[in-house]
Amino acid sequence: MFTARVITVSDRSFRGERPDGGGPLVRRVLIDAGYDVDRIVIVPDEQEEIMAALIAAADADVALIVTTGGTGFSPRDVTPEATVAVCQRLAPGIPEAMRAASMAITPRAMLSRAAAGIRDRSLIINLPGSPKGAKENLEAVLPTLEHGLEMLRGKPGDCARG
């Protein structure tokens, strides 16, 4: 069982003006998949605050850090920039797979700027802010993440299987 943390990026949810719809749904999907989700953190659409939340999760040795929100074209959507800034290595195949799966549902999927990468022993993945989109994107990559986390965490694995 891997640990996970959900970080919701939303000005309105941070201010208490709108309930967090994506965070609890993503948490439920992760729990159902066998992850131990330690908490949901809500931060505003501020690059420094997003970076601080990502770094805090990685410093706590959380295996999987999943963000929801801030991946679109709005001037305040800076989650990918925060993610890239804190990662030591990028994992572009993950958002590519999410966008490919989403394109079968909506052509707007091409507008996602989601990023994914590695900080220390933690994998960080950006999801859309829409609860429906966040769930669909996470479910598109979830079956393969266990193997990646095993490799990242130094567990013996066979890259040729599966």
N, C-alpha and C. Protein backbone atom coordinates (compact mmCIF):
# COMPACT_ATOMS: atom_id res chain seq x y z
N MET A 1 0.85 -1.18 0.00
CA MET A 1 0.00 0.00 0.00
C MET A 1 0.90 1.24 0.00
N PHE A 2 0.61 2.13 -0.92
CA PHE A 2 1.36 3.39 -1.01
C PHE A 2 0.56 4.51 -0.35
N THR A 3 1.28 5.49 0.16
CA THR A 3 0.63 6.68 0.70
C THR A 3 0.33 7.65 -0.44
N ALA A 4 -0.69 8.45 -0.24
CA ALA A 4 -1.07 9.45 -1.24
C ALA A 4 -1.58 10.69 -0.51
N ARG A 5 -1.47 11.82 -1.19
CA ARG A 5 -2.03 13.08 -0.71
C ARG A 5 -2.69 13.77 -1.88
N VAL A 6 -3.83 14.38 -1.63
CA VAL A 6 -4.56 15.14 -2.64
C VAL A 6 -4.43 16.62 -2.31
N ILE A 7 -4.04 17.40 -3.31
CA ILE A 7 -3.92 18.85 -3.14
C ILE A 7 -4.90 19.50 -4.11
N THR A 8 -5.91 20.15 -3.58
CA THR A 8 -6.88 20.87 -4.40
C THR A 8 -6.40 22.30 -4.56
N VAL A 9 -6.32 22.75 -5.80
CA VAL A 9 -5.89 24.10 -6.10
C VAL A 9 -7.11 24.88 -6.58
N SER A 10 -7.60 25.78 -5.72
CA SER A 10 -8.81 26.53 -6.04
C SER A 10 -8.91 27.74 -5.13
N ASP A 11 -8.96 28.91 -5.73
CA ASP A 11 -9.14 30.14 -4.94
C ASP A 11 -10.46 30.08 -4.16
N ARG A 12 -11.54 29.72 -4.86
CA ARG A 12 -12.87 29.75 -4.23
C ARG A 12 -13.01 28.70 -3.12
N SER A 13 -12.48 27.51 -3.34
CA SER A 13 -12.55 26.49 -2.28
C SER A 13 -11.67 26.89 -1.10
N PHE A 14 -10.51 27.48 -1.38
CA PHE A 14 -9.62 27.92 -0.31
C PHE A 14 -10.31 28.97 0.55
N ARG A 15 -11.06 29.88 -0.08
CA ARG A 15 -11.76 30.94 0.65
C ARG A 15 -13.08 30.46 1.26
N GLY A 16 -13.46 29.21 1.01
CA GLY A 16 -14.70 28.68 1.55
C GLY A 16 -15.94 29.10 0.79
N GLU A 17 -15.76 29.63 -0.42
CA GLU A 17 -16.90 30.09 -1.22
C GLU A 17 -17.54 28.97 -2.04
N ARG A 18 -16.82 27.86 -2.20
CA ARG A 18 -17.33 26.72 -2.98
C ARG A 18 -16.79 25.45 -2.35
N PRO A 19 -17.65 24.44 -2.20
CA PRO A 19 -17.13 23.18 -1.67
C PRO A 19 -16.12 22.56 -2.63
N ASP A 20 -15.17 21.84 -2.07
CA ASP A 20 -14.18 21.13 -2.87
C ASP A 20 -14.83 19.87 -3.42
N GLY A 21 -15.14 19.86 -4.71
CA GLY A 21 -15.76 18.70 -5.33
C GLY A 21 -14.75 17.68 -5.80
N GLY A 22 -13.62 18.15 -6.33
CA GLY A 22 -12.62 17.24 -6.91
C GLY A 22 -11.80 16.48 -5.90
N GLY A 23 -11.35 17.16 -4.85
CA GLY A 23 -10.48 16.53 -3.86
C GLY A 23 -11.08 15.29 -3.23
N PRO A 24 -12.29 15.38 -2.66
CA PRO A 24 -12.89 14.19 -2.04
C PRO A 24 -13.15 13.05 -3.04
N LEU A 25 -13.50 13.38 -4.27
CA LEU A 25 -13.73 12.34 -5.28
C LEU A 25 -12.42 11.63 -5.62
N VAL A 26 -11.35 12.40 -5.82
CA VAL A 26 -10.03 11.82 -6.11
C VAL A 26 -9.57 10.97 -4.93
N ARG A 27 -9.79 11.46 -3.73
CA ARG A 27 -9.44 10.70 -2.52
C ARG A 27 -10.15 9.35 -2.53
N ARG A 28 -11.45 9.33 -2.83
CA ARG A 28 -12.22 8.09 -2.84
C ARG A 28 -11.68 7.13 -3.90
N VAL A 29 -11.36 7.62 -5.09
CA VAL A 29 -10.81 6.76 -6.15
C VAL A 29 -9.49 6.13 -5.68
N LEU A 30 -8.65 6.93 -5.05
CA LEU A 30 -7.36 6.42 -4.57
C LEU A 30 -7.54 5.38 -3.46
N ILE A 31 -8.43 5.64 -2.53
CA ILE A 31 -8.69 4.69 -1.45
C ILE A 31 -9.22 3.38 -2.03
N ASP A 32 -10.15 3.49 -2.97
CA ASP A 32 -10.71 2.29 -3.61
C ASP A 32 -9.63 1.49 -4.35
N ALA A 33 -8.58 2.17 -4.79
CA ALA A 33 -7.48 1.51 -5.50
C ALA A 33 -6.41 0.98 -4.53
N GLY A 34 -6.62 1.19 -3.22
CA GLY A 34 -5.69 0.63 -2.25
C GLY A 34 -4.67 1.60 -1.68
N TYR A 35 -4.79 2.88 -1.99
CA TYR A 35 -3.85 3.88 -1.46
C TYR A 35 -4.29 4.33 -0.07
N ASP A 36 -3.32 4.69 0.75
CA ASP A 36 -3.57 5.26 2.06
C ASP A 36 -3.47 6.78 1.91
N VAL A 37 -4.61 7.44 1.78
CA VAL A 37 -4.63 8.90 1.56
C VAL A 37 -4.57 9.59 2.92
N ASP A 38 -3.48 10.32 3.16
CA ASP A 38 -3.31 10.92 4.47
C ASP A 38 -4.16 12.17 4.68
N ARG A 39 -4.40 12.93 3.62
CA ARG A 39 -5.23 14.14 3.76
C ARG A 39 -5.48 14.79 2.41
N ILE A 40 -6.42 15.73 2.44
CA ILE A 40 -6.66 16.63 1.32
C ILE A 40 -6.24 18.01 1.79
N VAL A 41 -5.41 18.67 1.02
CA VAL A 41 -4.95 20.02 1.32
C VAL A 41 -5.55 20.95 0.27
N ILE A 42 -6.09 22.08 0.69
CA ILE A 42 -6.65 23.05 -0.25
C ILE A 42 -5.77 24.30 -0.22
N VAL A 43 -5.30 24.69 -1.40
CA VAL A 43 -4.47 25.89 -1.53
C VAL A 43 -5.05 26.80 -2.61
N PRO A 44 -4.76 28.09 -2.55
CA PRO A 44 -5.22 28.99 -3.60
C PRO A 44 -4.36 28.84 -4.86
N ASP A 45 -4.83 29.44 -5.93
CA ASP A 45 -4.10 29.43 -7.21
C ASP A 45 -2.92 30.40 -7.15
N GLU A 46 -1.98 30.09 -6.31
CA GLU A 46 -0.76 30.90 -6.15
C GLU A 46 0.43 29.95 -6.27
N GLN A 47 1.30 30.21 -7.24
CA GLN A 47 2.38 29.28 -7.52
C GLN A 47 3.21 28.95 -6.28
N GLU A 48 3.57 29.93 -5.49
CA GLU A 48 4.40 29.68 -4.31
C GLU A 48 3.69 28.78 -3.31
N GLU A 49 2.39 28.96 -3.13
CA GLU A 49 1.66 28.14 -2.17
C GLU A 49 1.48 26.71 -2.69
N ILE A 50 1.28 26.57 -3.98
CA ILE A 50 1.19 25.23 -4.57
C ILE A 50 2.54 24.52 -4.41
N MET A 51 3.61 25.23 -4.72
CA MET A 51 4.95 24.65 -4.58
C MET A 51 5.20 24.22 -3.13
N ALA A 52 4.83 25.05 -2.18
CA ALA A 52 5.05 24.74 -0.77
C ALA A 52 4.29 23.47 -0.37
N ALA A 53 3.06 23.32 -0.86
CA ALA A 53 2.26 22.13 -0.53
C ALA A 53 2.87 20.88 -1.16
N LEU A 54 3.37 21.00 -2.39
CA LEU A 54 4.01 19.86 -3.06
C LEU A 54 5.28 19.45 -2.34
N ILE A 55 6.09 20.44 -1.98
CA ILE A 55 7.35 20.16 -1.28
C ILE A 55 7.07 19.54 0.09
N ALA A 56 6.07 20.05 0.80
CA ALA A 56 5.73 19.50 2.12
C ALA A 56 5.32 18.03 2.00
N ALA A 57 4.55 17.70 0.98
CA ALA A 57 4.12 16.31 0.79
C ALA A 57 5.32 15.42 0.46
N ALA A 58 6.19 15.89 -0.42
CA ALA A 58 7.37 15.10 -0.77
C ALA A 58 8.30 14.96 0.44
N ASP A 59 8.45 16.02 1.20
CA ASP A 59 9.29 15.96 2.40
C ASP A 59 8.73 14.99 3.44
N ALA A 60 7.40 14.78 3.42
CA ALA A 60 6.76 13.82 4.32
C ALA A 60 6.83 12.41 3.75
N ASP A 61 7.52 12.24 2.62
CA ASP A 61 7.71 10.96 1.96
C ASP A 61 6.41 10.32 1.47
N VAL A 62 5.46 11.17 1.05
CA VAL A 62 4.22 10.67 0.44
C VAL A 62 4.59 10.13 -0.93
N ALA A 63 4.15 8.92 -1.24
CA ALA A 63 4.53 8.28 -2.51
C ALA A 63 3.87 8.95 -3.72
N LEU A 64 2.56 9.20 -3.63
CA LEU A 64 1.81 9.76 -4.76
C LEU A 64 1.14 11.05 -4.32
N ILE A 65 1.47 12.13 -5.00
CA ILE A 65 0.87 13.44 -4.72
C ILE A 65 0.06 13.81 -5.95
N VAL A 66 -1.24 13.98 -5.74
CA VAL A 66 -2.14 14.27 -6.85
C VAL A 66 -2.77 15.63 -6.63
N THR A 67 -2.65 16.51 -7.61
CA THR A 67 -3.30 17.81 -7.53
C THR A 67 -4.56 17.77 -8.38
N THR A 68 -5.53 18.60 -8.02
CA THR A 68 -6.71 18.79 -8.86
C THR A 68 -6.95 20.29 -8.97
N GLY A 69 -7.04 20.76 -10.21
CA GLY A 69 -7.27 22.18 -10.46
C GLY A 69 -6.05 22.92 -10.95
N GLY A 70 -6.31 24.02 -11.64
CA GLY A 70 -5.24 24.92 -12.07
C GLY A 70 -4.45 24.47 -13.28
N THR A 71 -5.06 23.63 -14.14
CA THR A 71 -4.32 23.11 -15.30
C THR A 71 -4.79 23.68 -16.63
N GLY A 72 -5.68 24.65 -16.59
CA GLY A 72 -6.25 25.19 -17.83
C GLY A 72 -5.53 26.42 -18.35
N PHE A 73 -6.25 27.23 -19.09
CA PHE A 73 -5.68 28.40 -19.75
C PHE A 73 -5.90 29.71 -18.99
N SER A 74 -6.64 29.68 -17.90
CA SER A 74 -6.88 30.90 -17.14
C SER A 74 -5.54 31.47 -16.66
N PRO A 75 -5.43 32.78 -16.61
CA PRO A 75 -4.17 33.37 -16.12
C PRO A 75 -3.78 32.89 -14.71
N ARG A 76 -4.75 32.47 -13.89
CA ARG A 76 -4.45 32.01 -12.53
C ARG A 76 -4.13 30.53 -12.47
N ASP A 77 -4.25 29.81 -13.59
CA ASP A 77 -3.95 28.38 -13.64
C ASP A 77 -2.43 28.17 -13.73
N VAL A 78 -1.81 27.93 -12.59
CA VAL A 78 -0.35 27.82 -12.54
C VAL A 78 0.12 26.51 -11.90
N THR A 79 -0.77 25.54 -11.77
CA THR A 79 -0.38 24.27 -11.14
C THR A 79 0.73 23.57 -11.92
N PRO A 80 0.66 23.50 -13.27
CA PRO A 80 1.77 22.84 -13.98
C PRO A 80 3.11 23.54 -13.77
N GLU A 81 3.10 24.86 -13.73
CA GLU A 81 4.35 25.60 -13.52
C GLU A 81 4.92 25.30 -12.13
N ALA A 82 4.04 25.24 -11.13
CA ALA A 82 4.50 24.91 -9.77
C ALA A 82 5.05 23.50 -9.73
N THR A 83 4.39 22.59 -10.41
CA THR A 83 4.83 21.18 -10.42
C THR A 83 6.19 21.05 -11.08
N VAL A 84 6.35 21.64 -12.25
CA VAL A 84 7.63 21.55 -12.96
C VAL A 84 8.75 22.19 -12.13
N ALA A 85 8.42 23.28 -11.43
CA ALA A 85 9.44 23.97 -10.63
C ALA A 85 9.97 23.13 -9.48
N VAL A 86 9.15 22.24 -8.92
CA VAL A 86 9.61 21.46 -7.76
C VAL A 86 10.11 20.06 -8.13
N CYS A 87 9.86 19.64 -9.36
CA CYS A 87 10.26 18.28 -9.75
C CYS A 87 11.72 18.25 -10.21
N GLN A 88 12.39 17.15 -9.88
CA GLN A 88 13.76 16.94 -10.34
C GLN A 88 13.77 16.24 -11.70
N ARG A 89 12.73 15.45 -11.95
CA ARG A 89 12.59 14.75 -13.23
C ARG A 89 11.13 14.79 -13.64
N LEU A 90 10.88 14.98 -14.92
CA LEU A 90 9.50 14.99 -15.42
C LEU A 90 9.10 13.60 -15.89
N ALA A 91 7.79 13.35 -15.90
CA ALA A 91 7.22 12.09 -16.37
C ALA A 91 6.13 12.42 -17.39
N PRO A 92 6.54 12.86 -18.60
CA PRO A 92 5.58 13.37 -19.57
C PRO A 92 4.59 12.33 -20.09
N GLY A 93 4.91 11.05 -19.99
CA GLY A 93 4.00 10.02 -20.48
C GLY A 93 2.69 9.97 -19.72
N ILE A 94 2.72 10.35 -18.45
CA ILE A 94 1.50 10.29 -17.64
C ILE A 94 0.47 11.31 -18.13
N PRO A 95 0.80 12.61 -18.24
CA PRO A 95 -0.21 13.53 -18.76
C PRO A 95 -0.55 13.27 -20.23
N GLU A 96 0.40 12.74 -20.99
CA GLU A 96 0.10 12.38 -22.38
C GLU A 96 -0.98 11.29 -22.41
N ALA A 97 -0.84 10.29 -21.55
CA ALA A 97 -1.84 9.21 -21.49
C ALA A 97 -3.19 9.73 -21.02
N MET A 98 -3.18 10.64 -20.06
CA MET A 98 -4.44 11.21 -19.58
C MET A 98 -5.13 12.01 -20.68
N ARG A 99 -4.36 12.82 -21.40
CA ARG A 99 -4.96 13.60 -22.49
C ARG A 99 -5.49 12.69 -23.58
N ALA A 100 -4.75 11.63 -23.93
CA ALA A 100 -5.19 10.70 -24.97
C ALA A 100 -6.51 10.04 -24.57
N ALA A 101 -6.61 9.59 -23.33
CA ALA A 101 -7.85 8.95 -22.86
C ALA A 101 -8.99 9.96 -22.84
N SER A 102 -8.71 11.18 -22.43
CA SER A 102 -9.75 12.21 -22.37
C SER A 102 -10.22 12.66 -23.73
N MET A 103 -9.35 12.59 -24.73
CA MET A 103 -9.74 12.99 -26.08
C MET A 103 -10.87 12.10 -26.62
N ALA A 104 -10.97 10.87 -26.12
CA ALA A 104 -12.07 9.98 -26.53
C ALA A 104 -13.39 10.45 -25.94
N ILE A 105 -13.32 11.33 -24.94
CA ILE A 105 -14.53 11.82 -24.26
C ILE A 105 -14.88 13.24 -24.71
N THR A 106 -13.85 14.09 -24.81
CA THR A 106 -14.08 15.49 -25.19
C THR A 106 -12.87 16.05 -25.92
N PRO A 107 -13.10 16.81 -27.00
CA PRO A 107 -11.96 17.43 -27.69
C PRO A 107 -11.29 18.51 -26.84
N ARG A 108 -11.95 18.98 -25.80
CA ARG A 108 -11.35 19.99 -24.92
C ARG A 108 -10.18 19.44 -24.12
N ALA A 109 -10.02 18.13 -24.11
CA ALA A 109 -8.90 17.52 -23.39
C ALA A 109 -7.56 18.04 -23.88
N MET A 110 -7.50 18.44 -25.15
CA MET A 110 -6.24 18.96 -25.70
C MET A 110 -5.83 20.26 -25.04
N LEU A 111 -6.74 20.89 -24.32
CA LEU A 111 -6.43 22.16 -23.66
C LEU A 111 -5.81 21.97 -22.28
N SER A 112 -5.73 20.74 -21.81
CA SER A 112 -5.12 20.49 -20.51
C SER A 112 -3.62 20.73 -20.56
N ARG A 113 -3.10 21.42 -19.57
CA ARG A 113 -1.67 21.66 -19.47
C ARG A 113 -1.06 20.84 -18.34
N ALA A 114 -1.76 19.80 -17.89
CA ALA A 114 -1.30 18.98 -16.77
C ALA A 114 0.14 18.51 -16.97
N ALA A 115 0.84 18.41 -15.86
CA ALA A 115 2.22 17.93 -15.85
C ALA A 115 2.33 16.80 -14.83
N ALA A 116 3.42 16.08 -14.89
CA ALA A 116 3.72 15.05 -13.90
C ALA A 116 5.23 14.95 -13.77
N GLY A 117 5.68 14.62 -12.57
CA GLY A 117 7.11 14.51 -12.37
C GLY A 117 7.45 13.91 -11.02
N ILE A 118 8.73 13.83 -10.78
CA ILE A 118 9.26 13.17 -9.59
C ILE A 118 10.05 14.17 -8.76
N ARG A 119 9.75 14.17 -7.47
CA ARG A 119 10.56 14.93 -6.50
C ARG A 119 10.97 13.92 -5.43
N ASP A 120 12.25 13.70 -5.33
CA ASP A 120 12.79 12.71 -4.39
C ASP A 120 12.15 11.35 -4.68
N ARG A 121 11.38 10.81 -3.72
CA ARG A 121 10.74 9.50 -3.90
C ARG A 121 9.24 9.64 -4.12
N SER A 122 8.79 10.83 -4.50
CA SER A 122 7.37 11.11 -4.69
C SER A 122 7.05 11.37 -6.15
N LEU A 123 5.93 10.83 -6.59
CA LEU A 123 5.41 11.09 -7.93
C LEU A 123 4.29 12.12 -7.80
N ILE A 124 4.37 13.18 -8.58
CA ILE A 124 3.38 14.26 -8.56
C ILE A 124 2.63 14.24 -9.89
N ILE A 125 1.30 14.24 -9.82
CA ILE A 125 0.47 14.22 -11.03
C ILE A 125 -0.59 15.30 -10.92
N ASN A 126 -0.73 16.12 -11.96
CA ASN A 126 -1.77 17.14 -12.02
C ASN A 126 -3.02 16.57 -12.69
N LEU A 127 -4.18 16.83 -12.10
CA LEU A 127 -5.47 16.46 -12.67
C LEU A 127 -6.29 17.73 -12.89
N PRO A 128 -7.28 17.66 -13.77
CA PRO A 128 -8.15 18.82 -13.97
C PRO A 128 -8.92 19.18 -12.69
N GLY A 129 -9.48 20.36 -12.65
CA GLY A 129 -10.28 20.79 -11.51
C GLY A 129 -11.69 20.24 -11.52
N SER A 130 -12.21 19.93 -12.68
CA SER A 130 -13.54 19.35 -12.79
C SER A 130 -13.55 17.98 -12.12
N PRO A 131 -14.48 17.72 -11.19
CA PRO A 131 -14.51 16.39 -10.57
C PRO A 131 -14.61 15.26 -11.60
N LYS A 132 -15.46 15.42 -12.60
CA LYS A 132 -15.61 14.39 -13.64
C LYS A 132 -14.29 14.19 -14.38
N GLY A 133 -13.66 15.29 -14.79
CA GLY A 133 -12.39 15.20 -15.50
C GLY A 133 -11.27 14.64 -14.65
N ALA A 134 -11.25 15.02 -13.38
CA ALA A 134 -10.21 14.52 -12.47
C ALA A 134 -10.33 13.00 -12.32
N LYS A 135 -11.54 12.52 -12.13
CA LYS A 135 -11.77 11.08 -11.97
C LYS A 135 -11.39 10.33 -13.24
N GLU A 136 -11.84 10.82 -14.39
CA GLU A 136 -11.54 10.15 -15.65
C GLU A 136 -10.04 10.10 -15.92
N ASN A 137 -9.36 11.21 -15.67
CA ASN A 137 -7.91 11.27 -15.92
C ASN A 137 -7.15 10.34 -14.98
N LEU A 138 -7.52 10.35 -13.71
CA LEU A 138 -6.84 9.49 -12.75
C LEU A 138 -7.07 8.02 -13.09
N GLU A 139 -8.29 7.66 -13.40
CA GLU A 139 -8.59 6.26 -13.73
C GLU A 139 -7.87 5.80 -15.00
N ALA A 140 -7.53 6.73 -15.88
CA ALA A 140 -6.81 6.37 -17.12
C ALA A 140 -5.39 5.90 -16.85
N VAL A 141 -4.78 6.39 -15.77
CA VAL A 141 -3.38 6.05 -15.50
C VAL A 141 -3.18 5.21 -14.24
N LEU A 142 -4.18 5.13 -13.41
CA LEU A 142 -4.06 4.45 -12.12
C LEU A 142 -3.55 3.02 -12.22
N PRO A 143 -3.99 2.22 -13.17
CA PRO A 143 -3.51 0.82 -13.21
C PRO A 143 -1.99 0.68 -13.40
N THR A 144 -1.35 1.66 -14.00
CA THR A 144 0.08 1.57 -14.27
C THR A 144 0.93 2.24 -13.20
N LEU A 145 0.33 3.08 -12.38
CA LEU A 145 1.10 3.84 -11.39
C LEU A 145 1.80 2.96 -10.37
N GLU A 146 1.19 1.85 -9.98
CA GLU A 146 1.81 0.99 -8.96
C GLU A 146 3.21 0.56 -9.39
N HIS A 147 3.35 0.16 -10.63
CA HIS A 147 4.67 -0.27 -11.11
C HIS A 147 5.67 0.90 -11.06
N GLY A 148 5.25 2.06 -11.51
CA GLY A 148 6.13 3.23 -11.45
C GLY A 148 6.54 3.57 -10.03
N LEU A 149 5.59 3.50 -9.10
CA LEU A 149 5.91 3.80 -7.70
C LEU A 149 6.83 2.74 -7.10
N GLU A 150 6.64 1.48 -7.48
CA GLU A 150 7.56 0.44 -7.02
C GLU A 150 8.99 0.73 -7.47
N MET A 151 9.14 1.12 -8.72
CA MET A 151 10.47 1.43 -9.25
C MET A 151 11.04 2.67 -8.54
N LEU A 152 10.23 3.69 -8.38
CA LEU A 152 10.66 4.94 -7.74
C LEU A 152 11.09 4.70 -6.30
N ARG A 153 10.42 3.81 -5.63
CA ARG A 153 10.67 3.54 -4.22
C ARG A 153 11.70 2.46 -4.01
N GLY A 154 12.30 1.96 -5.12
CA GLY A 154 13.39 1.00 -5.01
C GLY A 154 12.97 -0.42 -4.71
N LYS A 155 11.72 -0.74 -4.97
CA LYS A 155 11.27 -2.11 -4.76
C LYS A 155 11.65 -2.95 -5.98
N PRO A 156 12.00 -4.21 -5.76
CA PRO A 156 12.35 -5.05 -6.91
C PRO A 156 11.14 -5.19 -7.83
N GLY A 157 11.41 -5.06 -9.11
CA GLY A 157 10.34 -5.18 -10.08
C GLY A 157 10.88 -5.68 -11.40
N ASP A 158 9.98 -6.12 -12.20
CA ASP A 158 10.35 -6.64 -13.52
C ASP A 158 9.68 -5.76 -14.57
N CYS A 159 10.47 -4.94 -15.22
CA CYS A 159 9.92 -4.03 -16.22
C CYS A 159 9.38 -4.74 -17.44
N ALA A 160 9.75 -5.99 -17.64
CA ALA A 160 9.30 -6.72 -18.82
C ALA A 160 7.92 -7.32 -18.66
N ARG A 161 7.44 -7.42 -17.42
CA ARG A 161 6.11 -8.02 -17.26
C ARG A 161 5.03 -6.96 -17.45
N GLY A 162 3.81 -7.43 -17.70
CA GLY A 162 2.66 -6.54 -17.81
C GLY A 162 2.54 -5.96 -19.16
